[in-house]
Amino acid sequence: MTISIIRTKQNLVKPFKNTPCTTLELSAIDKLPALRCNAKTLHVFKHGPEATRVIREALSKALVPYYPLAGRLIESKPEGLLQIQCSGDGAWYVEACADDCNLESVNFFDDVESIPYHDLLPGDVPEVEGVDPLVKMQVTQFGCGGFVIGLIFCHSICDGLGAAQFLNAIAELARGFDKPTIEPVWHRHFFPSPQILQQQQQPQLPPPLMPQYKLQHANIDIPIIQINKLKQEFQQVTGHNCSSFEIVAAGTWSSRTKAINFDSNTQVKLVFFANCRQILEPPLPNGFYGNCFFPITITSSSESLKEKSLFDIVKLIQATKAKLPIEFNKYLKGEHLKNGEDPFAPPLTYTTLFISEWGRLGFNQVDYKWGPPIHVVPIQGSNVIPAGIVGSLPLPNKGFRLMTWCVEKEHHGSFIHHMQGVMMTHA
């Protein structure tokens, strides 16, 4: 779609008050090479006529308690390990406008394939600034009074829960709070594994060759009434409860496997990431905003998976999740190194499906004073890594939206057909 978006102001927003000038250590998970990337999202709000000014001021105030986010990544010498230099440089902030467009006319960017991402996300920071900010934000005001936030976040310093916590802090300050209700906690020393640190100090191998296939995008909307029906049937059949994410993940993995029709002995994998804050001993303190998650990997032969019902796959997911405390504890002790395995580096092949849960991160509850977002859009990180993101339907609808890039064109129609069948009938 063609929209005239004009960037009217862009600069670094520094902390409102002086903040500590120090160097902070990251955790071993923060330092993982896989997290040396940026997470990109769009947040669509129906109303907020003064959003650019209000959010700018609140961001400056939030960077006082969250002062590490106003710093920059550096590499320690001679080890070459990542650290955060709390320099107070600030976050990159762009103000933009689209006065000739109202969000309702583009259906609040419900059609994610036609979104002008390049215009709604903050552009590159000019070389004259001499920094690479950890947080980059663009607030675009539309003629209707609504606005869109384009956010780029350094994954090495926050996971999804941490990023949402920071946005909620900005929102509370925008609403007039004296300080955020959740006090941020650094606490990156929870993972003092010498084995992991030793591994990270070793020279990194060249990145793997990426596949050449091109994945097709698909949005699949699942009403809340249908999800609740499947959860109720699962409880009646098994005597146990299940989550909405488990239902959608099982249906996606099953449908994709049937659509691609791998050879019967092909080993297919489902990978998703579990929050580990509460399974540590002691649990991480409330307010921790770093990376603390672990990949759960489930492997099955293609033939076996195709023969399983939806509920059988949900039970398989639950059984593997139950092992999370044991597997994470092994990782903390560096035991995976004995087998030369890295659970954070599953094979990036067509046989592996990555799926993420976004509904519980907290992005959908952020209220800068005009109400929560209508729509939160995660932006595809790669078009060659089969992935799906389970988020919420755009308001006022209730239910779930699976945003996925997981099959090639030749398998796209069959995947949609199987997905609709498995999610709309009982197992």
Protein backbone atom coordinates (compact mmCIF):
# COMPACT_ATOMS: atom_id res chain seq x y z
CA MET A 1 0.00 0.00 0.00
CA THR A 2 1.16 3.54 -0.75
CA ILE A 3 1.14 5.92 2.20
CA SER A 4 2.98 9.20 2.43
CA ILE A 5 4.93 9.05 5.70
CA ILE A 6 7.18 12.01 6.52
CA ARG A 7 9.82 11.79 9.24
CA THR A 8 9.76 15.21 10.89
CA LYS A 9 12.31 14.80 13.69
CA GLN A 10 14.87 12.22 14.70
CA ASN A 11 17.53 12.24 17.38
CA LEU A 12 18.78 10.50 20.49
CA VAL A 13 16.55 10.74 23.55
CA LYS A 14 18.74 10.72 26.62
CA PRO A 15 17.75 9.82 30.19
CA PHE A 16 15.83 12.59 31.94
CA LYS A 17 18.36 12.67 34.81
CA ASN A 18 21.99 11.74 35.21
CA THR A 19 22.48 7.97 35.37
CA PRO A 20 25.41 5.78 36.49
CA CYS A 21 28.40 5.59 34.15
CA THR A 22 29.51 1.99 34.50
CA THR A 23 30.03 -1.25 32.60
CA LEU A 24 27.64 -4.11 33.27
CA GLU A 25 28.08 -7.80 32.60
CA LEU A 26 25.53 -9.71 30.57
CA SER A 27 24.40 -13.22 31.39
CA ALA A 28 25.65 -16.22 29.46
CA ILE A 29 22.27 -16.43 27.70
CA ASP A 30 22.40 -12.74 26.74
CA LYS A 31 25.79 -13.39 25.14
CA LEU A 32 24.63 -16.23 22.90
CA PRO A 33 25.56 -15.55 19.25
CA ALA A 34 21.98 -16.38 18.24
CA LEU A 35 20.79 -13.29 20.11
CA ARG A 36 23.10 -10.87 18.33
CA CYS A 37 20.16 -9.54 16.38
CA ASN A 38 17.33 -7.02 16.57
CA ALA A 39 13.67 -7.82 17.23
CA LYS A 40 11.25 -5.68 15.21
CA THR A 41 7.58 -5.03 15.91
CA LEU A 42 4.76 -2.65 15.02
CA HIS A 43 2.20 -1.52 17.60
CA VAL A 44 -1.01 -0.02 16.17
CA PHE A 45 -3.14 2.31 18.32
CA LYS A 46 -6.57 3.66 17.42
CA HIS A 47 -6.23 6.98 19.25
CA GLY A 48 -3.50 9.22 20.63
CA PRO A 49 -3.40 12.72 19.14
CA GLU A 50 -0.30 13.82 21.09
CA ALA A 51 1.50 10.49 20.99
CA THR A 52 4.83 11.65 19.55
CA ARG A 53 5.40 14.23 22.30
CA VAL A 54 3.95 12.21 25.18
CA ILE A 55 5.93 9.06 24.38
CA ARG A 56 9.16 10.99 23.80
CA GLU A 57 8.92 12.57 27.26
CA ALA A 58 7.98 9.28 28.91
CA LEU A 59 10.81 7.44 27.15
CA SER A 60 13.33 9.94 28.55
CA LYS A 61 11.98 9.34 32.06
CA ALA A 62 11.92 5.55 31.66
CA LEU A 63 15.60 5.55 30.65
CA VAL A 64 16.50 6.69 34.16
CA PRO A 65 15.62 3.40 35.94
CA TYR A 66 16.35 1.48 32.71
CA TYR A 67 19.64 3.30 32.16
CA PRO A 68 21.43 0.25 30.64
CA LEU A 69 19.09 0.57 27.65
CA ALA A 70 20.53 4.04 27.02
CA GLY A 71 24.01 2.53 26.68
CA ARG A 72 25.66 0.40 24.05
CA LEU A 73 27.10 -3.05 23.46
CA ILE A 74 30.88 -3.39 23.73
CA GLU A 75 33.28 -6.33 23.68
CA SER A 76 35.54 -6.88 26.67
CA LYS A 77 39.28 -7.23 26.07
CA PRO A 78 41.01 -9.59 25.71
CA GLU A 79 38.12 -12.06 26.14
CA GLY A 80 35.88 -10.48 23.52
CA LEU A 81 32.71 -11.09 25.57
CA LEU A 82 29.71 -8.77 25.30
CA GLN A 83 29.13 -6.14 27.96
CA ILE A 84 26.90 -3.10 28.33
CA GLN A 85 28.62 0.25 28.62
CA CYS A 86 26.19 2.53 30.46
CA SER A 87 27.10 5.65 28.51
CA GLY A 88 23.81 7.52 28.68
CA ASP A 89 23.86 7.97 24.90
CA GLY A 90 20.12 7.37 24.78
CA ALA A 91 17.54 5.68 22.57
CA TRP A 92 16.99 6.64 18.93
CA TYR A 93 13.62 8.31 18.52
CA VAL A 94 11.89 9.29 15.29
CA GLU A 95 8.75 11.40 14.98
CA ALA A 96 6.75 10.94 11.78
CA CYS A 97 3.37 11.82 10.37
CA ALA A 98 0.93 10.48 7.76
CA ASP A 99 -1.62 13.30 7.76
CA ASP A 100 -3.35 12.20 4.55
CA CYS A 101 -4.15 8.71 5.86
CA ASN A 102 -6.34 7.37 8.61
CA LEU A 103 -5.76 3.94 10.10
CA GLU A 104 -9.33 2.78 9.55
CA SER A 105 -8.87 3.16 5.79
CA VAL A 106 -6.02 0.62 5.91
CA ASN A 107 -7.93 -1.58 8.37
CA PHE A 108 -5.36 -0.82 11.08
CA PHE A 109 -2.74 -2.73 9.07
CA ASP A 110 -4.58 -5.99 9.49
CA ASP A 111 -3.13 -7.18 6.16
CA VAL A 112 0.47 -7.67 7.27
CA GLU A 113 1.73 -8.49 3.77
CA SER A 114 0.99 -4.99 2.49
CA ILE A 115 2.35 -3.00 5.46
CA PRO A 116 5.01 -0.40 4.49
CA TYR A 117 7.46 -1.66 7.10
CA HIS A 118 10.38 0.39 5.86
CA ASP A 119 8.45 3.64 6.39
CA LEU A 120 7.03 2.72 9.80
CA LEU A 121 10.27 1.47 11.38
CA PRO A 122 13.04 3.86 12.42
CA GLY A 123 15.73 4.14 9.78
CA ASP A 124 19.47 3.85 10.24
CA VAL A 125 21.11 6.12 12.78
CA PRO A 126 23.31 8.73 11.00
CA GLU A 127 27.04 8.09 11.29
CA VAL A 128 27.49 11.50 12.86
CA GLU A 129 25.85 10.17 16.03
CA GLY A 130 28.63 7.59 16.39
CA VAL A 131 26.51 5.09 18.34
CA ASP A 132 24.36 2.04 17.72
CA PRO A 133 21.43 2.48 20.15
CA LEU A 134 19.98 -0.59 21.84
CA VAL A 135 16.45 0.80 21.44
CA LYS A 136 15.13 2.48 18.30
CA MET A 137 11.58 3.77 18.12
CA GLN A 138 9.48 5.58 15.53
CA VAL A 139 6.08 7.03 16.39
CA THR A 140 3.99 7.84 13.32
CA GLN A 141 0.92 10.02 13.84
CA PHE A 142 -1.96 9.46 11.40
CA GLY A 143 -4.59 11.93 10.26
CA CYS A 144 -7.28 10.15 12.25
CA GLY A 145 -5.45 10.77 15.53
CA GLY A 146 -4.21 7.20 15.78
CA PHE A 147 -0.56 6.24 15.77
CA VAL A 148 1.83 3.38 15.08
CA ILE A 149 5.00 2.61 17.02
CA GLY A 150 7.76 0.91 15.05
CA LEU A 151 10.18 -0.66 17.53
CA ILE A 152 13.64 -2.14 17.02
CA PHE A 153 15.10 -3.76 20.13
CA CYS A 154 18.51 -5.34 20.70
CA HIS A 155 17.78 -8.97 21.65
CA SER A 156 21.06 -9.33 23.57
CA ILE A 157 19.74 -7.18 26.40
CA CYS A 158 16.04 -8.15 26.61
CA ASP A 159 13.78 -11.01 25.71
CA GLY A 160 10.13 -10.45 24.76
CA LEU A 161 8.96 -10.28 28.37
CA GLY A 162 11.70 -7.78 29.19
CA ALA A 163 10.93 -5.58 26.19
CA ALA A 164 7.22 -5.53 27.10
CA GLN A 165 8.13 -4.64 30.69
CA PHE A 166 10.11 -1.64 29.42
CA LEU A 167 7.26 -0.49 27.16
CA ASN A 168 4.82 -0.78 30.05
CA ALA A 169 7.15 1.39 32.14
CA ILE A 170 7.11 4.06 29.39
CA ALA A 171 3.32 3.78 29.25
CA GLU A 172 2.89 4.22 33.00
CA LEU A 173 5.08 7.32 32.99
CA ALA A 174 3.09 8.64 30.01
CA ARG A 175 -0.07 8.21 32.11
CA GLY A 176 1.41 10.33 34.89
CA PHE A 177 2.93 7.75 37.24
CA ASP A 178 5.86 9.04 39.32
CA LYS A 179 7.75 5.82 38.63
CA PRO A 180 7.08 2.41 37.05
CA THR A 181 5.13 0.00 39.25
CA ILE A 182 7.70 -2.73 38.50
CA GLU A 183 11.21 -1.70 39.46
CA PRO A 184 13.73 -2.98 36.88
CA VAL A 185 16.31 -5.47 38.15
CA TRP A 186 19.57 -6.22 36.28
CA HIS A 187 20.58 -9.47 38.05
CA ARG A 188 22.52 -10.97 35.13
CA HIS A 189 24.74 -13.08 37.41
CA PHE A 190 22.10 -15.84 37.74
CA PHE A 191 23.97 -17.95 35.18
CA PRO A 192 27.60 -18.28 36.36
CA SER A 193 28.43 -21.42 34.38
CA PRO A 194 32.19 -21.49 33.67
CA GLN A 195 31.64 -24.15 31.00
CA ILE A 196 29.23 -21.96 29.06
CA LEU A 197 31.48 -18.93 29.36
CA GLN A 198 34.44 -21.00 28.19
CA GLN A 199 32.46 -22.12 25.14
CA GLN A 200 31.56 -18.52 24.31
CA GLN A 201 35.23 -17.51 24.49
CA GLN A 202 36.16 -20.03 21.81
CA PRO A 203 36.40 -18.78 18.21
CA GLN A 204 33.00 -18.83 16.57
CA LEU A 205 32.51 -21.17 13.65
CA PRO A 206 31.40 -19.68 10.33
CA PRO A 207 27.62 -19.28 10.15
CA PRO A 208 25.82 -22.23 8.56
CA LEU A 209 24.81 -22.03 4.93
CA MET A 210 21.21 -20.85 4.78
CA PRO A 211 18.64 -22.78 2.72
CA GLN A 212 17.60 -21.46 -0.66
CA TYR A 213 13.87 -22.11 -0.43
CA LYS A 214 11.38 -19.24 -0.06
CA LEU A 215 8.65 -19.52 2.53
CA GLN A 216 5.09 -18.28 2.02
CA HIS A 217 3.33 -16.08 4.53
CA ALA A 218 -0.04 -17.08 5.97
CA ASN A 219 -2.40 -15.64 8.57
CA ILE A 220 -4.80 -18.10 10.19
CA ASP A 221 -7.39 -16.64 12.57
CA ILE A 222 -8.90 -18.90 15.22
CA PRO A 223 -11.91 -17.58 17.19
CA ILE A 224 -11.75 -17.89 20.96
CA ILE A 225 -14.93 -19.98 20.96
CA GLN A 226 -13.22 -22.66 18.85
CA ILE A 227 -10.09 -22.72 21.01
CA ASN A 228 -12.21 -23.04 24.15
CA LYS A 229 -14.15 -25.88 22.56
CA LEU A 230 -10.96 -27.81 21.78
CA LYS A 231 -9.58 -27.19 25.27
CA GLN A 232 -12.82 -28.45 26.80
CA GLU A 233 -12.75 -31.59 24.63
CA PHE A 234 -9.14 -32.21 25.61
CA GLN A 235 -10.10 -32.00 29.28
CA GLN A 236 -13.00 -34.40 28.78
CA VAL A 237 -10.88 -36.93 26.88
CA THR A 238 -7.70 -36.81 29.00
CA GLY A 239 -8.82 -35.47 32.36
CA HIS A 240 -6.16 -32.75 32.10
CA ASN A 241 -6.09 -29.12 31.05
CA CYS A 242 -4.11 -27.65 28.18
CA SER A 243 -3.22 -24.16 27.01
CA SER A 244 -4.34 -22.35 23.90
CA PHE A 245 -0.74 -22.21 22.70
CA GLU A 246 -0.38 -26.00 23.02
CA ILE A 247 -3.50 -26.48 20.90
CA VAL A 248 -2.32 -24.11 18.15
CA ALA A 249 1.27 -25.39 18.19
CA ALA A 250 0.10 -29.01 17.91
CA GLY A 251 -2.26 -28.18 15.07
CA THR A 252 0.37 -26.23 13.18
CA TRP A 253 3.05 -28.91 13.48
CA SER A 254 0.62 -31.66 12.45
CA SER A 255 -0.83 -29.71 9.51
CA ARG A 256 2.57 -28.66 8.19
CA THR A 257 3.93 -32.21 8.36
CA LYS A 258 0.92 -33.59 6.48
CA ALA A 259 1.08 -30.84 3.87
CA ILE A 260 4.77 -31.35 3.09
CA ASN A 261 4.43 -35.16 3.15
CA PHE A 262 8.01 -35.94 4.12
CA ASP A 263 9.36 -39.46 3.65
CA SER A 264 8.05 -41.68 6.45
CA ASN A 265 11.40 -41.96 8.27
CA THR A 266 12.18 -38.24 8.13
CA GLN A 267 12.76 -36.80 11.59
CA VAL A 268 10.75 -33.59 12.06
CA LYS A 269 11.24 -31.17 14.93
CA LEU A 270 9.08 -28.63 16.76
CA VAL A 271 11.01 -25.94 18.66
CA PHE A 272 9.60 -23.28 20.97
CA PHE A 273 11.08 -21.21 23.77
CA ALA A 274 9.99 -21.41 27.40
CA ASN A 275 10.34 -18.71 30.04
CA CYS A 276 12.63 -20.02 32.80
CA ARG A 277 12.38 -17.19 35.33
CA GLN A 278 10.39 -19.18 37.86
CA ILE A 279 12.12 -22.56 37.57
CA LEU A 280 15.47 -21.29 38.82
CA GLU A 281 16.38 -21.81 42.47
CA PRO A 282 15.75 -19.21 43.73
CA PRO A 283 13.45 -17.76 41.06
CA LEU A 284 14.58 -14.58 39.36
CA PRO A 285 13.34 -11.41 41.10
CA ASN A 286 10.29 -9.58 39.81
CA GLY A 287 11.51 -6.85 37.48
CA PHE A 288 14.24 -8.87 35.76
CA TYR A 289 14.22 -7.89 32.09
CA GLY A 290 17.06 -9.87 30.54
CA ASN A 291 16.97 -13.07 28.50
CA CYS A 292 15.91 -16.12 30.46
CA PHE A 293 14.42 -18.79 28.25
CA PHE A 294 15.29 -22.23 26.97
CA PRO A 295 14.42 -24.00 23.70
CA ILE A 296 12.11 -26.98 24.01
CA THR A 297 12.72 -29.35 21.10
CA ILE A 298 10.38 -32.22 20.25
CA THR A 299 11.38 -34.79 17.62
CA SER A 300 9.20 -37.34 15.85
CA SER A 301 9.26 -39.33 12.66
CA SER A 302 7.06 -37.82 9.99
CA GLU A 303 4.96 -40.98 9.74
CA SER A 304 4.39 -41.20 13.48
CA LEU A 305 3.36 -37.56 13.71
CA LYS A 306 0.90 -37.85 10.83
CA GLU A 307 -0.81 -40.76 12.57
CA LYS A 308 -1.23 -38.90 15.87
CA SER A 309 -4.40 -37.02 16.71
CA LEU A 310 -4.34 -33.35 17.72
CA PHE A 311 -4.73 -34.32 21.37
CA ASP A 312 -1.95 -36.92 21.16
CA ILE A 313 0.40 -34.19 19.94
CA VAL A 314 -0.71 -31.84 22.73
CA LYS A 315 0.14 -34.59 25.23
CA LEU A 316 3.54 -35.03 23.56
CA ILE A 317 4.18 -31.29 23.91
CA GLN A 318 3.15 -31.34 27.56
CA ALA A 319 5.34 -34.34 28.35
CA THR A 320 8.37 -32.60 26.85
CA LYS A 321 7.59 -29.33 28.64
CA ALA A 322 7.49 -31.22 31.94
CA LYS A 323 11.19 -32.01 31.49
CA LEU A 324 12.12 -28.33 31.21
CA PRO A 325 13.46 -27.86 34.78
CA ILE A 326 15.75 -30.89 34.39
CA GLU A 327 17.00 -29.93 30.93
CA PHE A 328 17.57 -26.29 31.86
CA ASN A 329 19.47 -27.30 34.98
CA LYS A 330 21.71 -29.55 32.86
CA TYR A 331 22.38 -26.62 30.57
CA LEU A 332 23.27 -24.37 33.49
CA LYS A 333 25.85 -26.94 34.55
CA GLY A 334 27.27 -27.19 31.04
CA GLU A 335 26.40 -30.88 30.71
CA HIS A 336 25.31 -30.51 27.09
CA LEU A 337 28.93 -29.80 26.18
CA LYS A 338 29.81 -33.42 26.94
CA ASN A 339 27.81 -34.49 23.89
CA GLY A 340 28.85 -31.54 21.77
CA GLU A 341 25.25 -30.34 21.62
CA ASP A 342 23.93 -26.81 21.67
CA PRO A 343 20.18 -26.69 22.39
CA PHE A 344 20.18 -23.04 21.26
CA ALA A 345 21.31 -24.10 17.78
CA PRO A 346 18.70 -26.52 16.41
CA PRO A 347 19.03 -27.40 12.71
CA LEU A 348 17.82 -24.61 10.42
CA THR A 349 16.25 -26.92 7.88
CA TYR A 350 12.85 -27.46 6.30
CA THR A 351 12.20 -30.29 8.77
CA THR A 352 12.33 -27.93 11.78
CA LEU A 353 9.40 -25.70 12.74
CA PHE A 354 9.94 -22.83 15.19
CA ILE A 355 6.87 -21.45 16.94
CA SER A 356 6.58 -18.60 19.44
CA GLU A 357 3.87 -17.46 21.86
CA TRP A 358 3.30 -13.70 21.92
CA GLY A 359 -0.04 -13.52 23.70
CA ARG A 360 1.47 -13.57 27.18
CA LEU A 361 4.42 -11.24 26.67
CA GLY A 362 2.50 -8.12 27.67
CA PHE A 363 2.66 -6.05 24.46
CA ASN A 364 -1.13 -6.13 24.12
CA GLN A 365 -1.64 -4.48 27.52
CA VAL A 366 0.57 -1.40 26.95
CA ASP A 367 -1.52 1.77 27.44
CA TYR A 368 0.12 5.15 26.87
CA LYS A 369 -3.09 6.87 28.11
CA TRP A 370 -5.40 6.21 25.13
CA GLY A 371 -6.03 2.48 25.52
CA PRO A 372 -4.16 -0.69 24.50
CA PRO A 373 -3.06 -1.41 20.93
CA ILE A 374 -5.56 -2.62 18.36
CA HIS A 375 -2.90 -4.78 16.78
CA VAL A 376 0.68 -5.90 17.50
CA VAL A 377 2.60 -7.09 14.45
CA PRO A 378 5.80 -9.13 14.84
CA ILE A 379 8.04 -8.65 11.83
CA GLN A 380 9.49 -11.70 10.10
CA GLY A 381 13.16 -12.11 10.92
CA SER A 382 14.02 -14.53 8.12
CA ASN A 383 12.24 -15.86 5.06
CA VAL A 384 14.13 -19.17 5.13
CA ILE A 385 13.52 -20.30 8.73
CA PRO A 386 10.15 -22.07 9.08
CA ALA A 387 8.38 -20.20 11.88
CA GLY A 388 5.02 -19.36 13.34
CA ILE A 389 3.97 -16.75 15.90
CA VAL A 390 0.83 -17.23 17.99
CA GLY A 391 -0.59 -13.82 18.85
CA SER A 392 -3.93 -12.22 19.60
CA LEU A 393 -6.52 -11.24 17.04
CA PRO A 394 -6.75 -7.50 16.36
CA LEU A 395 -9.28 -5.86 18.68
CA PRO A 396 -12.22 -6.02 19.18
CA ASN A 397 -12.06 -9.65 18.06
CA LYS A 398 -11.22 -12.31 20.63
CA GLY A 399 -9.12 -15.29 19.72
CA PHE A 400 -5.75 -16.09 18.24
CA ARG A 401 -3.90 -15.29 15.04
CA LEU A 402 -1.21 -17.61 13.75
CA MET A 403 1.23 -15.55 11.68
CA THR A 404 3.44 -18.00 9.91
CA TRP A 405 6.16 -18.44 7.32
CA CYS A 406 6.60 -22.19 7.36
CA VAL A 407 5.97 -23.76 3.95
CA GLU A 408 7.02 -23.24 0.36
CA LYS A 409 4.49 -22.25 -2.28
CA GLU A 410 3.86 -25.82 -3.41
CA HIS A 411 2.77 -26.81 0.12
CA HIS A 412 0.91 -23.61 1.02
CA GLY A 413 -2.60 -24.58 -0.08
CA SER A 414 -2.40 -28.02 1.52
CA PHE A 415 -1.11 -26.53 4.79
CA ILE A 416 -4.05 -24.09 4.98
CA HIS A 417 -6.48 -26.92 4.19
CA HIS A 418 -5.09 -29.22 6.90
CA MET A 419 -4.88 -26.38 9.43
CA GLN A 420 -8.50 -25.41 8.92
CA GLY A 421 -9.54 -29.04 9.22
CA VAL A 422 -7.62 -29.87 12.39
CA MET A 423 -8.57 -26.65 14.19
CA MET A 424 -12.23 -26.74 13.26
CA THR A 425 -12.98 -30.36 14.22
CA HIS A 426 -12.34 -32.37 17.34
CA ALA A 427 -9.35 -34.72 17.47
